[in-house]
């Protein structure tokens, strides 16, 4: 991106960057063992702001740190069943 912006500026094109959206999100993390899989659970809660509008965000991310991916799928199924989440 830097190279493209420098090339545009060198060619005499107006180059101005401005934010299109803003995020205000807090992340909480926990590590969990699920069978042979070590997982990271990351909960993001906050909002996205753009064009004078705002949208709330509440997302749980489940990532395999090591081991088979079956642990991710099982954890997702368990969280869906226990808390009414959806993929």
N, C-alpha and C. Protein backbone atom coordinates (compact mmCIF):
# COMPACT_ATOMS: atom_id res chain seq x y z
N UNK A 1 0.83 -1.18 0.00
CA UNK A 1 0.00 0.00 0.00
C UNK A 1 0.87 1.24 0.00
N UNK A 2 1.92 1.21 0.82
CA UNK A 2 2.82 2.36 0.88
C UNK A 2 3.41 2.64 -0.50
N UNK A 3 3.84 1.59 -1.19
CA UNK A 3 4.44 1.75 -2.52
C UNK A 3 3.44 2.38 -3.49
N UNK A 4 2.20 1.90 -3.46
CA UNK A 4 1.17 2.44 -4.36
C UNK A 4 0.89 3.91 -4.05
N UNK A 5 0.83 4.27 -2.78
CA UNK A 5 0.59 5.66 -2.41
C UNK A 5 1.76 6.56 -2.81
N UNK A 6 2.98 6.06 -2.62
CA UNK A 6 4.15 6.83 -3.02
C UNK A 6 4.20 7.02 -4.53
N UNK A 7 3.84 5.98 -5.28
CA UNK A 7 3.83 6.08 -6.74
C UNK A 7 2.77 7.08 -7.20
N UNK A 8 1.60 7.06 -6.57
CA UNK A 8 0.54 8.00 -6.92
C UNK A 8 0.98 9.44 -6.63
N UNK A 9 1.61 9.65 -5.47
CA UNK A 9 2.08 10.99 -5.11
C UNK A 9 3.17 11.45 -6.07
N UNK A 10 4.07 10.54 -6.45
CA UNK A 10 5.15 10.88 -7.39
C UNK A 10 4.59 11.23 -8.76
N UNK A 11 3.44 10.65 -9.12
CA UNK A 11 2.81 10.93 -10.41
C UNK A 11 1.96 12.19 -10.36
N UNK A 12 1.93 12.86 -9.20
CA UNK A 12 1.19 14.11 -9.08
C UNK A 12 -0.27 13.92 -8.71
N UNK A 13 -0.66 12.70 -8.39
CA UNK A 13 -2.05 12.45 -7.99
C UNK A 13 -2.25 12.88 -6.54
N UNK A 14 -3.43 13.38 -6.26
CA UNK A 14 -3.76 13.74 -4.87
C UNK A 14 -3.90 12.46 -4.06
N UNK A 15 -3.20 12.43 -2.96
CA UNK A 15 -3.24 11.25 -2.10
C UNK A 15 -3.69 11.70 -0.71
N UNK A 16 -4.86 11.25 -0.34
CA UNK A 16 -5.37 11.58 1.00
C UNK A 16 -6.08 10.36 1.56
N UNK A 17 -5.65 9.96 2.70
CA UNK A 17 -6.31 8.85 3.38
C UNK A 17 -7.19 9.39 4.48
N UNK A 18 -8.34 8.79 4.63
CA UNK A 18 -9.27 9.18 5.68
C UNK A 18 -9.94 7.93 6.21
N UNK A 19 -10.23 7.89 7.49
CA UNK A 19 -10.90 6.71 8.03
C UNK A 19 -12.29 6.53 7.43
N UNK A 20 -12.64 5.29 7.14
CA UNK A 20 -13.95 4.95 6.62
C UNK A 20 -14.83 4.40 7.73
N UNK A 21 -14.21 3.68 8.65
CA UNK A 21 -14.92 3.17 9.81
C UNK A 21 -13.98 3.11 11.00
N UNK A 22 -14.56 2.95 12.17
CA UNK A 22 -13.79 2.87 13.41
C UNK A 22 -14.34 1.71 14.24
N UNK A 23 -13.47 1.00 14.91
CA UNK A 23 -13.92 -0.06 15.80
C UNK A 23 -13.55 0.29 17.23
N UNK A 24 -14.43 -0.04 18.13
CA UNK A 24 -14.19 0.12 19.56
C UNK A 24 -14.59 -1.20 20.20
N UNK A 25 -13.63 -2.12 20.28
CA UNK A 25 -13.91 -3.49 20.70
C UNK A 25 -12.95 -3.89 21.81
N UNK A 26 -13.49 -4.53 22.83
CA UNK A 26 -12.68 -5.08 23.91
C UNK A 26 -12.63 -6.59 23.72
N UNK A 27 -11.44 -7.18 23.84
CA UNK A 27 -11.26 -8.62 23.66
C UNK A 27 -10.87 -9.25 24.99
N UNK A 28 -11.57 -10.34 25.32
CA UNK A 28 -11.22 -11.18 26.46
C UNK A 28 -10.82 -12.54 25.91
N UNK A 29 -9.75 -13.13 26.49
CA UNK A 29 -9.26 -14.41 25.96
C UNK A 29 -9.10 -15.42 27.08
N UNK A 30 -9.26 -16.68 26.70
CA UNK A 30 -9.02 -17.79 27.62
C UNK A 30 -8.49 -18.96 26.81
N UNK A 31 -7.64 -19.76 27.42
CA UNK A 31 -7.13 -20.98 26.78
C UNK A 31 -7.82 -22.15 27.46
N UNK A 32 -8.22 -23.12 26.63
CA UNK A 32 -8.97 -24.28 27.13
C UNK A 32 -8.46 -25.53 26.43
N UNK A 33 -8.40 -26.61 27.17
CA UNK A 33 -8.02 -27.90 26.58
C UNK A 33 -9.30 -28.66 26.26
N UNK A 34 -9.42 -29.15 25.05
CA UNK A 34 -10.59 -29.92 24.62
C UNK A 34 -10.06 -31.22 24.03
N UNK A 35 -9.99 -32.26 24.83
CA UNK A 35 -9.38 -33.51 24.37
C UNK A 35 -7.92 -33.27 24.06
N UNK A 36 -7.52 -33.62 22.84
CA UNK A 36 -6.13 -33.44 22.42
C UNK A 36 -5.88 -32.05 21.82
N UNK A 37 -6.89 -31.19 21.82
CA UNK A 37 -6.78 -29.88 21.19
C UNK A 37 -6.69 -28.78 22.25
N UNK A 38 -5.69 -27.93 22.10
CA UNK A 38 -5.57 -26.73 22.94
C UNK A 38 -6.20 -25.58 22.18
N UNK A 39 -7.21 -24.94 22.79
CA UNK A 39 -7.99 -23.90 22.13
C UNK A 39 -7.75 -22.54 22.75
N UNK A 40 -7.93 -21.51 21.95
CA UNK A 40 -8.04 -20.15 22.47
C UNK A 40 -9.45 -19.68 22.18
N UNK A 41 -10.15 -19.23 23.23
CA UNK A 41 -11.47 -18.62 23.09
C UNK A 41 -11.27 -17.11 23.20
N UNK A 42 -11.75 -16.37 22.23
CA UNK A 42 -11.62 -14.91 22.24
C UNK A 42 -13.00 -14.30 22.07
N UNK A 43 -13.42 -13.51 23.06
CA UNK A 43 -14.71 -12.84 23.02
C UNK A 43 -14.49 -11.37 22.73
N UNK A 44 -15.06 -10.90 21.62
CA UNK A 44 -14.98 -9.50 21.23
C UNK A 44 -16.34 -8.85 21.47
N UNK A 45 -16.36 -7.76 22.24
CA UNK A 45 -17.59 -7.03 22.53
C UNK A 45 -17.32 -5.56 22.31
N UNK A 46 -18.20 -4.89 21.55
CA UNK A 46 -18.02 -3.47 21.31
C UNK A 46 -18.92 -2.99 20.20
N UNK A 47 -18.38 -2.05 19.40
CA UNK A 47 -19.18 -1.50 18.31
C UNK A 47 -18.30 -1.08 17.14
N UNK A 48 -18.94 -1.03 15.97
CA UNK A 48 -18.31 -0.53 14.74
C UNK A 48 -19.04 0.76 14.39
N UNK A 49 -18.27 1.81 14.10
CA UNK A 49 -18.83 3.12 13.78
C UNK A 49 -18.46 3.49 12.35
N UNK A 50 -19.44 3.95 11.56
CA UNK A 50 -19.18 4.37 10.19
C UNK A 50 -20.30 5.28 9.71
N UNK A 51 -19.93 6.37 9.08
CA UNK A 51 -20.92 7.25 8.47
C UNK A 51 -22.00 7.72 9.43
N UNK A 52 -21.65 7.97 10.68
CA UNK A 52 -22.63 8.42 11.65
C UNK A 52 -23.51 7.31 12.21
N UNK A 53 -23.25 6.10 11.78
CA UNK A 53 -24.03 4.95 12.27
C UNK A 53 -23.15 4.09 13.17
N UNK A 54 -23.81 3.24 13.97
CA UNK A 54 -23.10 2.39 14.90
C UNK A 54 -23.77 1.02 14.93
N UNK A 55 -22.95 -0.02 14.99
CA UNK A 55 -23.46 -1.39 15.05
C UNK A 55 -22.72 -2.13 16.15
N UNK A 56 -23.48 -2.78 17.04
CA UNK A 56 -22.86 -3.54 18.12
C UNK A 56 -22.25 -4.83 17.59
N UNK A 57 -21.17 -5.25 18.25
CA UNK A 57 -20.47 -6.47 17.90
C UNK A 57 -20.36 -7.33 19.16
N UNK A 58 -20.66 -8.61 19.02
CA UNK A 58 -20.45 -9.58 20.09
C UNK A 58 -20.11 -10.89 19.41
N UNK A 59 -18.83 -11.26 19.43
CA UNK A 59 -18.36 -12.40 18.65
C UNK A 59 -17.45 -13.28 19.50
N UNK A 60 -17.69 -14.57 19.44
CA UNK A 60 -16.80 -15.54 20.08
C UNK A 60 -16.01 -16.24 18.99
N UNK A 61 -14.69 -16.16 19.08
CA UNK A 61 -13.80 -16.82 18.13
C UNK A 61 -13.15 -18.00 18.83
N UNK A 62 -13.19 -19.16 18.19
CA UNK A 62 -12.57 -20.36 18.74
C UNK A 62 -11.46 -20.78 17.79
N UNK A 63 -10.23 -20.80 18.29
CA UNK A 63 -9.07 -21.10 17.45
C UNK A 63 -8.27 -22.25 18.04
N UNK A 64 -7.86 -23.17 17.18
CA UNK A 64 -6.99 -24.27 17.62
C UNK A 64 -5.56 -23.75 17.71
N UNK A 65 -4.99 -23.82 18.90
CA UNK A 65 -3.59 -23.43 19.08
C UNK A 65 -2.67 -24.60 18.74
N UNK A 66 -3.12 -25.80 19.09
CA UNK A 66 -2.39 -27.01 18.71
C UNK A 66 -3.32 -28.20 18.84
N UNK A 67 -3.05 -29.21 18.04
CA UNK A 67 -3.86 -30.42 18.07
C UNK A 67 -4.88 -30.46 16.94
N UNK A 68 -5.69 -31.51 16.91
CA UNK A 68 -6.65 -31.70 15.83
C UNK A 68 -7.78 -30.67 15.87
N UNK A 69 -8.33 -30.36 14.69
CA UNK A 69 -9.39 -29.38 14.58
C UNK A 69 -10.72 -29.88 15.13
N UNK A 70 -10.84 -31.17 15.38
CA UNK A 70 -12.08 -31.70 15.95
C UNK A 70 -12.44 -31.00 17.25
N UNK A 71 -11.44 -30.59 18.02
CA UNK A 71 -11.69 -29.90 19.28
C UNK A 71 -12.39 -28.56 19.07
N UNK A 72 -12.06 -27.87 17.98
CA UNK A 72 -12.71 -26.60 17.65
C UNK A 72 -14.19 -26.85 17.35
N UNK A 73 -14.44 -27.86 16.52
CA UNK A 73 -15.83 -28.17 16.15
C UNK A 73 -16.65 -28.60 17.36
N UNK A 74 -16.06 -29.41 18.23
CA UNK A 74 -16.79 -29.85 19.42
C UNK A 74 -17.06 -28.69 20.36
N UNK A 75 -16.08 -27.83 20.55
CA UNK A 75 -16.29 -26.65 21.39
C UNK A 75 -17.39 -25.77 20.82
N UNK A 76 -17.39 -25.57 19.50
CA UNK A 76 -18.43 -24.76 18.85
C UNK A 76 -19.80 -25.39 19.07
N UNK A 77 -19.91 -26.70 18.89
CA UNK A 77 -21.19 -27.38 19.11
C UNK A 77 -21.65 -27.20 20.56
N UNK A 78 -20.74 -27.34 21.50
CA UNK A 78 -21.09 -27.21 22.91
C UNK A 78 -21.58 -25.79 23.24
N UNK A 79 -20.87 -24.77 22.72
CA UNK A 79 -21.28 -23.38 22.97
C UNK A 79 -22.62 -23.07 22.31
N UNK A 80 -22.86 -23.62 21.12
CA UNK A 80 -24.15 -23.43 20.45
C UNK A 80 -25.26 -24.03 21.29
N UNK A 81 -25.07 -25.25 21.75
CA UNK A 81 -26.10 -25.94 22.53
C UNK A 81 -26.35 -25.26 23.88
N UNK A 82 -25.29 -24.83 24.53
CA UNK A 82 -25.42 -24.27 25.87
C UNK A 82 -25.90 -22.81 25.88
N UNK A 83 -25.54 -22.06 24.83
CA UNK A 83 -25.78 -20.60 24.89
C UNK A 83 -26.57 -20.05 23.71
N UNK A 84 -27.05 -20.92 22.82
CA UNK A 84 -27.86 -20.45 21.69
C UNK A 84 -27.08 -19.66 20.66
N UNK A 85 -25.78 -19.88 20.56
CA UNK A 85 -24.97 -19.18 19.56
C UNK A 85 -25.24 -19.76 18.18
N UNK A 86 -24.80 -19.08 17.14
CA UNK A 86 -24.91 -19.60 15.77
C UNK A 86 -23.64 -19.30 15.02
N UNK A 87 -23.36 -20.15 14.04
CA UNK A 87 -22.16 -20.00 13.22
C UNK A 87 -22.41 -19.01 12.11
